[in-house]
Amino acid sequence: SDIVKLIVKMEEKQAIQEAQRKLLNTIERLKEVNGQNQQLIEQSLTY
């Protein structure tokens, strides 16, 4: 986000923002799946 403020060309700014958005969405989905996996393992250990 700090780098985006320094970029002058609009197409470069949009490209890096899109890459950032895609990376953040993937990381968020990864956190969800890992949380689900952790719950499954905890349930298995409880059983």
ModelCIF file with pLDDT and N, C-alpha, C, O atoms, coordinates in Angstrom:
data_MODEL
#
_entry.id   MODEL 
#
_entity.id                         1 
_entity.type                       polymer 
_entity.pdbx_number_of_molecules   1 
#
_entity_poly.entity_id                      1 
_entity_poly.type                           'polypeptide(L)' 
_entity_poly.nstd_linkage                   no 
_entity_poly.nstd_monomer                   no 
_entity_poly.pdbx_seq_one_letter_code       SDIVKLIVKMEEKQAIQEAQRKLLNTIERLKEVNGQNQQLIEQSLTY 
_entity_poly.pdbx_seq_one_letter_code_can   SDIVKLIVKMEEKQAIQEAQRKLLNTIERLKEVNGQNQQLIEQSLTY 
_entity_poly.pdbx_strand_id                 A 
#
loop_
_entity_poly_seq.entity_id 
_entity_poly_seq.num 
_entity_poly_seq.mon_id 
_entity_poly_seq.hetero 
1 1  SER n 
1 2  ASP n 
1 3  ILE n 
1 4  VAL n 
1 5  LYS n 
1 6  LEU n 
1 7  ILE n 
1 8  VAL n 
1 9  LYS n 
1 10 MET n 
1 11 GLU n 
1 12 GLU n 
1 13 LYS n 
1 14 GLN n 
1 15 ALA n 
1 16 ILE n 
1 17 GLN n 
1 18 GLU n 
1 19 ALA n 
1 20 GLN n 
1 21 ARG n 
1 22 LYS n 
1 23 LEU n 
1 24 LEU n 
1 25 ASN n 
1 26 THR n 
1 27 ILE n 
1 28 GLU n 
1 29 ARG n 
1 30 LEU n 
1 31 LYS n 
1 32 GLU n 
1 33 VAL n 
1 34 ASN n 
1 35 GLY n 
1 36 GLN n 
1 37 ASN n 
1 38 GLN n 
1 39 GLN n 
1 40 LEU n 
1 41 ILE n 
1 42 GLU n 
1 43 GLN n 
1 44 SER n 
1 45 LEU n 
1 46 THR n 
1 47 TYR n 
#
_struct_asym.id          A 
_struct_asym.entity_id   1 
#
loop_
_ma_qa_metric.id 
_ma_qa_metric.mode 
_ma_qa_metric.name 
_ma_qa_metric.software_group_id 
_ma_qa_metric.type 
1 global pLDDT . pLDDT 
2 local  pLDDT . pLDDT 
#
_ma_qa_metric_global.metric_id      1 
_ma_qa_metric_global.metric_value   92.47 
_ma_qa_metric_global.model_id       1 
_ma_qa_metric_global.ordinal_id     1 
#
loop_
_ma_qa_metric_local.label_asym_id 
_ma_qa_metric_local.label_comp_id 
_ma_qa_metric_local.label_seq_id 
_ma_qa_metric_local.metric_id 
_ma_qa_metric_local.metric_value 
_ma_qa_metric_local.model_id 
_ma_qa_metric_local.ordinal_id 
A SER 1  2 85.00 1 1  
A ASP 2  2 86.00 1 2  
A ILE 3  2 87.00 1 3  
A VAL 4  2 88.00 1 4  
A LYS 5  2 88.00 1 5  
A LEU 6  2 86.00 1 6  
A ILE 7  2 87.00 1 7  
A VAL 8  2 86.00 1 8  
A LYS 9  2 90.00 1 9  
A MET 10 2 92.00 1 10 
A GLU 11 2 93.00 1 11 
A GLU 12 2 92.00 1 12 
A LYS 13 2 92.00 1 13 
A GLN 14 2 94.00 1 14 
A ALA 15 2 94.00 1 15 
A ILE 16 2 94.00 1 16 
A GLN 17 2 95.00 1 17 
A GLU 18 2 96.00 1 18 
A ALA 19 2 95.00 1 19 
A GLN 20 2 94.00 1 20 
A ARG 21 2 96.00 1 21 
A LYS 22 2 97.00 1 22 
A LEU 23 2 96.00 1 23 
A LEU 24 2 96.00 1 24 
A ASN 25 2 97.00 1 25 
A THR 26 2 97.00 1 26 
A ILE 27 2 96.00 1 27 
A GLU 28 2 97.00 1 28 
A ARG 29 2 97.00 1 29 
A LEU 30 2 97.00 1 30 
A LYS 31 2 97.00 1 31 
A GLU 32 2 97.00 1 32 
A VAL 33 2 96.00 1 33 
A ASN 34 2 95.00 1 34 
A GLY 35 2 96.00 1 35 
A GLN 36 2 95.00 1 36 
A ASN 37 2 94.00 1 37 
A GLN 38 2 94.00 1 38 
A GLN 39 2 94.00 1 39 
A LEU 40 2 91.00 1 40 
A ILE 41 2 90.00 1 41 
A GLU 42 2 91.00 1 42 
A GLN 43 2 90.00 1 43 
A SER 44 2 85.00 1 44 
A LEU 45 2 87.00 1 45 
A THR 46 2 89.00 1 46 
A TYR 47 2 85.00 1 47 
#
loop_
_atom_site.group_PDB 
_atom_site.id 
_atom_site.type_symbol 
_atom_site.label_atom_id 
_atom_site.label_alt_id 
_atom_site.label_comp_id 
_atom_site.label_asym_id 
_atom_site.label_entity_id 
_atom_site.label_seq_id 
_atom_site.pdbx_PDB_ins_code 
_atom_site.Cartn_x 
_atom_site.Cartn_y 
_atom_site.Cartn_z 
_atom_site.occupancy 
_atom_site.B_iso_or_equiv 
_atom_site.pdbx_formal_charge 
_atom_site.auth_seq_id 
_atom_site.auth_comp_id 
_atom_site.auth_asym_id 
_atom_site.auth_atom_id 
_atom_site.pdbx_PDB_model_num 
ATOM 1   N N  . SER A 1 1  ? 0.832   -1.215  0.000   1.00 85.00 ? 1  SER A N  1 
ATOM 2   C CA . SER A 1 1  ? 0.000   0.000   0.000   1.00 85.00 ? 1  SER A CA 1 
ATOM 3   C C  . SER A 1 1  ? 0.863   1.260   0.000   1.00 85.00 ? 1  SER A C  1 
ATOM 4   O O  . SER A 1 1  ? 0.509   2.260   -0.624  1.00 85.00 ? 1  SER A O  1 
ATOM 5   N N  . ASP A 1 2  ? 1.983   1.208   0.695   1.00 86.00 ? 2  ASP A N  1 
ATOM 6   C CA . ASP A 1 2  ? 2.906   2.347   0.706   1.00 86.00 ? 2  ASP A CA 1 
ATOM 7   C C  . ASP A 1 2  ? 3.544   2.542   -0.664  1.00 86.00 ? 2  ASP A C  1 
ATOM 8   O O  . ASP A 1 2  ? 3.733   3.673   -1.113  1.00 86.00 ? 2  ASP A O  1 
ATOM 9   N N  . ILE A 1 3  ? 3.874   1.438   -1.325  1.00 87.00 ? 3  ILE A N  1 
ATOM 10  C CA . ILE A 1 3  ? 4.473   1.512   -2.660  1.00 87.00 ? 3  ILE A CA 1 
ATOM 11  C C  . ILE A 1 3  ? 3.470   2.096   -3.649  1.00 87.00 ? 3  ILE A C  1 
ATOM 12  O O  . ILE A 1 3  ? 3.846   2.876   -4.525  1.00 87.00 ? 3  ILE A O  1 
ATOM 13  N N  . VAL A 1 4  ? 2.206   1.727   -3.517  1.00 88.00 ? 4  VAL A N  1 
ATOM 14  C CA . VAL A 1 4  ? 1.166   2.218   -4.432  1.00 88.00 ? 4  VAL A CA 1 
ATOM 15  C C  . VAL A 1 4  ? 1.121   3.740   -4.413  1.00 88.00 ? 4  VAL A C  1 
ATOM 16  O O  . VAL A 1 4  ? 0.890   4.365   -5.448  1.00 88.00 ? 4  VAL A O  1 
ATOM 17  N N  . LYS A 1 5  ? 1.337   4.334   -3.261  1.00 88.00 ? 5  LYS A N  1 
ATOM 18  C CA . LYS A 1 5  ? 1.311   5.792   -3.144  1.00 88.00 ? 5  LYS A CA 1 
ATOM 19  C C  . LYS A 1 5  ? 2.437   6.453   -3.938  1.00 88.00 ? 5  LYS A C  1 
ATOM 20  O O  . LYS A 1 5  ? 2.329   7.612   -4.340  1.00 88.00 ? 5  LYS A O  1 
ATOM 21  N N  . LEU A 1 6  ? 3.520   5.703   -4.157  1.00 86.00 ? 6  LEU A N  1 
ATOM 22  C CA . LEU A 1 6  ? 4.669   6.270   -4.863  1.00 86.00 ? 6  LEU A CA 1 
ATOM 23  C C  . LEU A 1 6  ? 4.602   6.063   -6.377  1.00 86.00 ? 6  LEU A C  1 
ATOM 24  O O  . LEU A 1 6  ? 5.346   6.701   -7.121  1.00 86.00 ? 6  LEU A O  1 
ATOM 25  N N  . ILE A 1 7  ? 3.731   5.192   -6.829  1.00 87.00 ? 7  ILE A N  1 
ATOM 26  C CA . ILE A 1 7  ? 3.646   4.878   -8.259  1.00 87.00 ? 7  ILE A CA 1 
ATOM 27  C C  . ILE A 1 7  ? 2.835   5.957   -8.961  1.00 87.00 ? 7  ILE A C  1 
ATOM 28  O O  . ILE A 1 7  ? 1.766   6.359   -8.502  1.00 87.00 ? 7  ILE A O  1 
ATOM 29  N N  . VAL A 1 8  ? 3.371   6.411   -10.082 1.00 86.00 ? 8  VAL A N  1 
ATOM 30  C CA . VAL A 1 8  ? 2.740   7.489   -10.826 1.00 86.00 ? 8  VAL A CA 1 
ATOM 31  C C  . VAL A 1 8  ? 1.825   6.936   -11.917 1.00 86.00 ? 8  VAL A C  1 
ATOM 32  O O  . VAL A 1 8  ? 0.714   7.433   -12.102 1.00 86.00 ? 8  VAL A O  1 
ATOM 33  N N  . LYS A 1 9  ? 2.280   5.916   -12.637 1.00 90.00 ? 9  LYS A N  1 
ATOM 34  C CA . LYS A 1 9  ? 1.499   5.371   -13.753 1.00 90.00 ? 9  LYS A CA 1 
ATOM 35  C C  . LYS A 1 9  ? 0.283   4.608   -13.233 1.00 90.00 ? 9  LYS A C  1 
ATOM 36  O O  . LYS A 1 9  ? 0.397   3.729   -12.379 1.00 90.00 ? 9  LYS A O  1 
ATOM 37  N N  . MET A 1 10 ? -0.885  4.966   -13.771 1.00 92.00 ? 10 MET A N  1 
ATOM 38  C CA . MET A 1 10 ? -2.138  4.383   -13.306 1.00 92.00 ? 10 MET A CA 1 
ATOM 39  C C  . MET A 1 10 ? -2.216  2.882   -13.587 1.00 92.00 ? 10 MET A C  1 
ATOM 40  O O  . MET A 1 10 ? -2.722  2.132   -12.752 1.00 92.00 ? 10 MET A O  1 
ATOM 41  N N  . GLU A 1 11 ? -1.729  2.430   -14.733 1.00 93.00 ? 11 GLU A N  1 
ATOM 42  C CA . GLU A 1 11 ? -1.804  0.995   -15.056 1.00 93.00 ? 11 GLU A CA 1 
ATOM 43  C C  . GLU A 1 11 ? -0.908  0.169   -14.127 1.00 93.00 ? 11 GLU A C  1 
ATOM 44  O O  . GLU A 1 11 ? -1.266  -0.951  -13.760 1.00 93.00 ? 11 GLU A O  1 
ATOM 45  N N  . GLU A 1 12 ? 0.246   0.709   -13.747 1.00 92.00 ? 12 GLU A N  1 
ATOM 46  C CA . GLU A 1 12 ? 1.120   0.024   -12.791 1.00 92.00 ? 12 GLU A CA 1 
ATOM 47  C C  . GLU A 1 12 ? 0.470   -0.008  -11.412 1.00 92.00 ? 12 GLU A C  1 
ATOM 48  O O  . GLU A 1 12 ? 0.529   -1.016  -10.708 1.00 92.00 ? 12 GLU A O  1 
ATOM 49  N N  . LYS A 1 13 ? -0.144  1.100   -11.039 1.00 92.00 ? 13 LYS A N  1 
ATOM 50  C CA . LYS A 1 13 ? -0.817  1.191   -9.744  1.00 92.00 ? 13 LYS A CA 1 
ATOM 51  C C  . LYS A 1 13 ? -1.948  0.168   -9.670  1.00 92.00 ? 13 LYS A C  1 
ATOM 52  O O  . LYS A 1 13 ? -2.091  -0.522  -8.661  1.00 92.00 ? 13 LYS A O  1 
ATOM 53  N N  . GLN A 1 14 ? -2.752  0.066   -10.728 1.00 94.00 ? 14 GLN A N  1 
ATOM 54  C CA . GLN A 1 14 ? -3.862  -0.878  -10.750 1.00 94.00 ? 14 GLN A CA 1 
ATOM 55  C C  . GLN A 1 14 ? -3.361  -2.320  -10.744 1.00 94.00 ? 14 GLN A C  1 
ATOM 56  O O  . GLN A 1 14 ? -3.946  -3.183  -10.089 1.00 94.00 ? 14 GLN A O  1 
ATOM 57  N N  . ALA A 1 15 ? -2.275  -2.578  -11.477 1.00 94.00 ? 15 ALA A N  1 
ATOM 58  C CA . ALA A 1 15 ? -1.725  -3.941  -11.543 1.00 94.00 ? 15 ALA A CA 1 
ATOM 59  C C  . ALA A 1 15 ? -1.232  -4.396  -10.166 1.00 94.00 ? 15 ALA A C  1 
ATOM 60  O O  . ALA A 1 15 ? -1.501  -5.523  -9.748  1.00 94.00 ? 15 ALA A O  1 
ATOM 61  N N  . ILE A 1 16 ? -0.525  -3.535  -9.477  1.00 94.00 ? 16 ILE A N  1 
ATOM 62  C CA . ILE A 1 16 ? 0.001   -3.934  -8.163  1.00 94.00 ? 16 ILE A CA 1 
ATOM 63  C C  . ILE A 1 16 ? -1.124  -4.037  -7.134  1.00 94.00 ? 16 ILE A C  1 
ATOM 64  O O  . ILE A 1 16 ? -1.065  -4.885  -6.244  1.00 94.00 ? 16 ILE A O  1 
ATOM 65  N N  . GLN A 1 17 ? -2.148  -3.185  -7.243  1.00 95.00 ? 17 GLN A N  1 
ATOM 66  C CA . GLN A 1 17 ? -3.288  -3.274  -6.336  1.00 95.00 ? 17 GLN A CA 1 
ATOM 67  C C  . GLN A 1 17 ? -4.067  -4.577  -6.572  1.00 95.00 ? 17 GLN A C  1 
ATOM 68  O O  . GLN A 1 17 ? -4.530  -5.208  -5.622  1.00 95.00 ? 17 GLN A O  1 
ATOM 69  N N  . GLU A 1 18 ? -4.205  -4.966  -7.823  1.00 96.00 ? 18 GLU A N  1 
ATOM 70  C CA . GLU A 1 18 ? -4.897  -6.221  -8.145  1.00 96.00 ? 18 GLU A CA 1 
ATOM 71  C C  . GLU A 1 18 ? -4.108  -7.421  -7.618  1.00 96.00 ? 18 GLU A C  1 
ATOM 72  O O  . GLU A 1 18 ? -4.689  -8.361  -7.075  1.00 96.00 ? 18 GLU A O  1 
ATOM 73  N N  . ALA A 1 19 ? -2.791  -7.385  -7.779  1.00 95.00 ? 19 ALA A N  1 
ATOM 74  C CA . ALA A 1 19 ? -1.953  -8.469  -7.248  1.00 95.00 ? 19 ALA A CA 1 
ATOM 75  C C  . ALA A 1 19 ? -2.065  -8.528  -5.724  1.00 95.00 ? 19 ALA A C  1 
ATOM 76  O O  . ALA A 1 19 ? -2.154  -9.611  -5.146  1.00 95.00 ? 19 ALA A O  1 
ATOM 77  N N  . GLN A 1 20 ? -2.060  -7.368  -5.081  1.00 94.00 ? 20 GLN A N  1 
ATOM 78  C CA . GLN A 1 20 ? -2.193  -7.317  -3.629  1.00 94.00 ? 20 GLN A CA 1 
ATOM 79  C C  . GLN A 1 20 ? -3.543  -7.891  -3.194  1.00 94.00 ? 20 GLN A C  1 
ATOM 80  O O  . GLN A 1 20 ? -3.614  -8.667  -2.241  1.00 94.00 ? 20 GLN A O  1 
ATOM 81  N N  . ARG A 1 21 ? -4.602  -7.510  -3.890  1.00 96.00 ? 21 ARG A N  1 
ATOM 82  C CA . ARG A 1 21 ? -5.946  -7.984  -3.555  1.00 96.00 ? 21 ARG A CA 1 
ATOM 83  C C  . ARG A 1 21 ? -6.040  -9.509  -3.719  1.00 96.00 ? 21 ARG A C  1 
ATOM 84  O O  . ARG A 1 21 ? -6.615  -10.199 -2.878  1.00 96.00 ? 21 ARG A O  1 
ATOM 85  N N  . LYS A 1 22 ? -5.473  -10.011 -4.800  1.00 97.00 ? 22 LYS A N  1 
ATOM 86  C CA . LYS A 1 22 ? -5.506  -11.456 -5.053  1.00 97.00 ? 22 LYS A CA 1 
ATOM 87  C C  . LYS A 1 22 ? -4.718  -12.219 -3.984  1.00 97.00 ? 22 LYS A C  1 
ATOM 88  O O  . LYS A 1 22 ? -5.165  -13.262 -3.506  1.00 97.00 ? 22 LYS A O  1 
ATOM 89  N N  . LEU A 1 23 ? -3.562  -11.704 -3.615  1.00 96.00 ? 23 LEU A N  1 
ATOM 90  C CA . LEU A 1 23 ? -2.742  -12.340 -2.586  1.00 96.00 ? 23 LEU A CA 1 
ATOM 91  C C  . LEU A 1 23 ? -3.459  -12.329 -1.232  1.00 96.00 ? 23 LEU A C  1 
ATOM 92  O O  . LEU A 1 23 ? -3.473  -13.336 -0.525  1.00 96.00 ? 23 LEU A O  1 
ATOM 93  N N  . LEU A 1 24 ? -4.047  -11.197 -0.880  1.00 96.00 ? 24 LEU A N  1 
ATOM 94  C CA . LEU A 1 24 ? -4.756  -11.097 0.402   1.00 96.00 ? 24 LEU A CA 1 
ATOM 95  C C  . LEU A 1 24 ? -5.970  -12.022 0.443   1.00 96.00 ? 24 LEU A C  1 
ATOM 96  O O  . LEU A 1 24 ? -6.247  -12.626 1.479   1.00 96.00 ? 24 LEU A O  1 
ATOM 97  N N  . ASN A 1 25 ? -6.699  -12.141 -0.672  1.00 97.00 ? 25 ASN A N  1 
ATOM 98  C CA . ASN A 1 25 ? -7.845  -13.054 -0.723  1.00 97.00 ? 25 ASN A CA 1 
ATOM 99  C C  . ASN A 1 25 ? -7.399  -14.498 -0.560  1.00 97.00 ? 25 ASN A C  1 
ATOM 100 O O  . ASN A 1 25 ? -8.052  -15.276 0.136   1.00 97.00 ? 25 ASN A O  1 
ATOM 101 N N  . THR A 1 26 ? -6.296  -14.860 -1.196  1.00 97.00 ? 26 THR A N  1 
ATOM 102 C CA . THR A 1 26 ? -5.774  -16.225 -1.083  1.00 97.00 ? 26 THR A CA 1 
ATOM 103 C C  . THR A 1 26 ? -5.330  -16.505 0.353   1.00 97.00 ? 26 THR A C  1 
ATOM 104 O O  . THR A 1 26 ? -5.596  -17.583 0.884   1.00 97.00 ? 26 THR A O  1 
ATOM 105 N N  . ILE A 1 27 ? -4.665  -15.554 0.973   1.00 96.00 ? 27 ILE A N  1 
ATOM 106 C CA . ILE A 1 27 ? -4.214  -15.727 2.356   1.00 96.00 ? 27 ILE A CA 1 
ATOM 107 C C  . ILE A 1 27 ? -5.410  -15.847 3.293   1.00 96.00 ? 27 ILE A C  1 
ATOM 108 O O  . ILE A 1 27 ? -5.386  -16.656 4.220   1.00 96.00 ? 27 ILE A O  1 
ATOM 109 N N  . GLU A 1 28 ? -6.449  -15.059 3.065   1.00 97.00 ? 28 GLU A N  1 
ATOM 110 C CA . GLU A 1 28 ? -7.651  -15.122 3.905   1.00 97.00 ? 28 GLU A CA 1 
ATOM 111 C C  . GLU A 1 28 ? -8.330  -16.493 3.780   1.00 97.00 ? 28 GLU A C  1 
ATOM 112 O O  . GLU A 1 28 ? -8.753  -17.075 4.779   1.00 97.00 ? 28 GLU A O  1 
ATOM 113 N N  . ARG A 1 29 ? -8.427  -16.991 2.570   1.00 97.00 ? 29 ARG A N  1 
ATOM 114 C CA . ARG A 1 29 ? -9.026  -18.319 2.348   1.00 97.00 ? 29 ARG A CA 1 
ATOM 115 C C  . ARG A 1 29 ? -8.161  -19.398 3.009   1.00 97.00 ? 29 ARG A C  1 
ATOM 116 O O  . ARG A 1 29 ? -8.680  -20.359 3.576   1.00 97.00 ? 29 ARG A O  1 
ATOM 117 N N  . LEU A 1 30 ? -6.852  -19.229 2.931   1.00 97.00 ? 30 LEU A N  1 
ATOM 118 C CA . LEU A 1 30 ? -5.921  -20.170 3.563   1.00 97.00 ? 30 LEU A CA 1 
ATOM 119 C C  . LEU A 1 30 ? -6.119  -20.195 5.077   1.00 97.00 ? 30 LEU A C  1 
ATOM 120 O O  . LEU A 1 30 ? -6.090  -21.262 5.691   1.00 97.00 ? 30 LEU A O  1 
ATOM 121 N N  . LYS A 1 31 ? -6.321  -19.026 5.676   1.00 97.00 ? 31 LYS A N  1 
ATOM 122 C CA . LYS A 1 31 ? -6.571  -18.960 7.118   1.00 97.00 ? 31 LYS A CA 1 
ATOM 123 C C  . LYS A 1 31 ? -7.854  -19.707 7.475   1.00 97.00 ? 31 LYS A C  1 
ATOM 124 O O  . LYS A 1 31 ? -7.902  -20.419 8.478   1.00 97.00 ? 31 LYS A O  1 
ATOM 125 N N  . GLU A 1 32 ? -8.890  -19.546 6.657   1.00 97.00 ? 32 GLU A N  1 
ATOM 126 C CA . GLU A 1 32 ? -10.170 -20.228 6.911   1.00 97.00 ? 32 GLU A CA 1 
ATOM 127 C C  . GLU A 1 32 ? -10.006 -21.744 6.861   1.00 97.00 ? 32 GLU A C  1 
ATOM 128 O O  . GLU A 1 32 ? -10.476 -22.453 7.751   1.00 97.00 ? 32 GLU A O  1 
ATOM 129 N N  . VAL A 1 33 ? -9.344  -22.236 5.825   1.00 96.00 ? 33 VAL A N  1 
ATOM 130 C CA . VAL A 1 33 ? -9.161  -23.681 5.666   1.00 96.00 ? 33 VAL A CA 1 
ATOM 131 C C  . VAL A 1 33 ? -8.288  -24.233 6.790   1.00 96.00 ? 33 VAL A C  1 
ATOM 132 O O  . VAL A 1 33 ? -8.568  -25.311 7.314   1.00 96.00 ? 33 VAL A O  1 
ATOM 133 N N  . ASN A 1 34 ? -7.239  -23.513 7.164   1.00 95.00 ? 34 ASN A N  1 
ATOM 134 C CA . ASN A 1 34 ? -6.380  -23.970 8.256   1.00 95.00 ? 34 ASN A CA 1 
ATOM 135 C C  . ASN A 1 34 ? -7.129  -23.980 9.588   1.00 95.00 ? 34 ASN A C  1 
ATOM 136 O O  . ASN A 1 34 ? -6.910  -24.866 10.414  1.00 95.00 ? 34 ASN A O  1 
ATOM 137 N N  . GLY A 1 35 ? -8.002  -23.011 9.800   1.00 96.00 ? 35 GLY A N  1 
ATOM 138 C CA . GLY A 1 35 ? -8.830  -23.001 11.004  1.00 96.00 ? 35 GLY A CA 1 
ATOM 139 C C  . GLY A 1 35 ? -9.766  -24.203 11.042  1.00 96.00 ? 35 GLY A C  1 
ATOM 140 O O  . GLY A 1 35 ? -9.959  -24.823 12.088  1.00 96.00 ? 35 GLY A O  1 
ATOM 141 N N  . GLN A 1 36 ? -10.337 -24.519 9.900   1.00 95.00 ? 36 GLN A N  1 
ATOM 142 C CA . GLN A 1 36 ? -11.212 -25.693 9.803   1.00 95.00 ? 36 GLN A CA 1 
ATOM 143 C C  . GLN A 1 36 ? -10.416 -26.969 10.070  1.00 95.00 ? 36 GLN A C  1 
ATOM 144 O O  . GLN A 1 36 ? -10.888 -27.854 10.785  1.00 95.00 ? 36 GLN A O  1 
ATOM 145 N N  . ASN A 1 37 ? -9.235  -27.070 9.513   1.00 94.00 ? 37 ASN A N  1 
ATOM 146 C CA . ASN A 1 37 ? -8.387  -28.242 9.748   1.00 94.00 ? 37 ASN A CA 1 
ATOM 147 C C  . ASN A 1 37 ? -8.021  -28.369 11.225  1.00 94.00 ? 37 ASN A C  1 
ATOM 148 O O  . ASN A 1 37 ? -8.005  -29.473 11.769  1.00 94.00 ? 37 ASN A O  1 
ATOM 149 N N  . GLN A 1 38 ? -7.731  -27.255 11.868  1.00 94.00 ? 38 GLN A N  1 
ATOM 150 C CA . GLN A 1 38 ? -7.395  -27.280 13.286  1.00 94.00 ? 38 GLN A CA 1 
ATOM 151 C C  . GLN A 1 38 ? -8.579  -27.784 14.101  1.00 94.00 ? 38 GLN A C  1 
ATOM 152 O O  . GLN A 1 38 ? -8.397  -28.569 15.032  1.00 94.00 ? 38 GLN A O  1 
ATOM 153 N N  . GLN A 1 39 ? -9.778  -27.347 13.768  1.00 94.00 ? 39 GLN A N  1 
ATOM 154 C CA . GLN A 1 39 ? -10.967 -27.822 14.477  1.00 94.00 ? 39 GLN A CA 1 
ATOM 155 C C  . GLN A 1 39 ? -11.172 -29.313 14.275  1.00 94.00 ? 39 GLN A C  1 
ATOM 156 O O  . GLN A 1 39 ? -11.528 -30.024 15.215  1.00 94.00 ? 39 GLN A O  1 
ATOM 157 N N  . LEU A 1 40 ? -10.949 -29.797 13.049  1.00 91.00 ? 40 LEU A N  1 
ATOM 158 C CA . LEU A 1 40 ? -11.098 -31.229 12.779  1.00 91.00 ? 40 LEU A CA 1 
ATOM 159 C C  . LEU A 1 40 ? -10.104 -32.055 13.591  1.00 91.00 ? 40 LEU A C  1 
ATOM 160 O O  . LEU A 1 40 ? -10.451 -33.111 14.120  1.00 91.00 ? 40 LEU A O  1 
ATOM 161 N N  . ILE A 1 41 ? -8.882  -31.576 13.685  1.00 90.00 ? 41 ILE A N  1 
ATOM 162 C CA . ILE A 1 41 ? -7.859  -32.292 14.450  1.00 90.00 ? 41 ILE A CA 1 
ATOM 163 C C  . ILE A 1 41 ? -8.198  -32.278 15.937  1.00 90.00 ? 41 ILE A C  1 
ATOM 164 O O  . ILE A 1 41 ? -8.053  -33.294 16.616  1.00 90.00 ? 41 ILE A O  1 
ATOM 165 N N  . GLU A 1 42 ? -8.646  -31.142 16.440  1.00 91.00 ? 42 GLU A N  1 
ATOM 166 C CA . GLU A 1 42 ? -9.036  -31.067 17.853  1.00 91.00 ? 42 GLU A CA 1 
ATOM 167 C C  . GLU A 1 42 ? -10.205 -32.009 18.155  1.00 91.00 ? 42 GLU A C  1 
ATOM 168 O O  . GLU A 1 42 ? -10.219 -32.660 19.199  1.00 91.00 ? 42 GLU A O  1 
ATOM 169 N N  . GLN A 1 43 ? -11.173 -32.084 17.256  1.00 90.00 ? 43 GLN A N  1 
ATOM 170 C CA . GLN A 1 43 ? -12.300 -32.996 17.440  1.00 90.00 ? 43 GLN A CA 1 
ATOM 171 C C  . GLN A 1 43 ? -11.825 -34.435 17.428  1.00 90.00 ? 43 GLN A C  1 
ATOM 172 O O  . GLN A 1 43 ? -12.299 -35.261 18.208  1.00 90.00 ? 43 GLN A O  1 
ATOM 173 N N  . SER A 1 44 ? -10.887 -34.733 16.543  1.00 85.00 ? 44 SER A N  1 
ATOM 174 C CA . SER A 1 44 ? -10.346 -36.087 16.464  1.00 85.00 ? 44 SER A CA 1 
ATOM 175 C C  . SER A 1 44 ? -9.618  -36.449 17.756  1.00 85.00 ? 44 SER A C  1 
ATOM 176 O O  . SER A 1 44 ? -9.776  -37.557 18.268  1.00 85.00 ? 44 SER A O  1 
ATOM 177 N N  . LEU A 1 45 ? -8.826  -35.524 18.279  1.00 87.00 ? 45 LEU A N  1 
ATOM 178 C CA . LEU A 1 45 ? -8.112  -35.775 19.526  1.00 87.00 ? 45 LEU A CA 1 
ATOM 179 C C  . LEU A 1 45 ? -9.074  -35.934 20.704  1.00 87.00 ? 45 LEU A C  1 
ATOM 180 O O  . LEU A 1 45 ? -8.843  -36.762 21.586  1.00 87.00 ? 45 LEU A O  1 
ATOM 181 N N  . THR A 1 46 ? -10.133 -35.159 20.722  1.00 89.00 ? 46 THR A N  1 
ATOM 182 C CA . THR A 1 46 ? -11.138 -35.278 21.774  1.00 89.00 ? 46 THR A CA 1 
ATOM 183 C C  . THR A 1 46 ? -11.800 -36.651 21.716  1.00 89.00 ? 46 THR A C  1 
ATOM 184 O O  . THR A 1 46 ? -12.032 -37.280 22.748  1.00 89.00 ? 46 THR A O  1 
ATOM 185 N N  . TYR A 1 47 ? -12.098 -37.107 20.513  1.00 85.00 ? 47 TYR A N  1 
ATOM 186 C CA . TYR A 1 47 ? -12.714 -38.422 20.342  1.00 85.00 ? 47 TYR A CA 1 
ATOM 187 C C  . TYR A 1 47 ? -11.763 -39.533 20.796  1.00 85.00 ? 47 TYR A C  1 
ATOM 188 O O  . TYR A 1 47 ? -12.112 -40.711 20.725  1.00 85.00 ? 47 TYR A O  1 
#
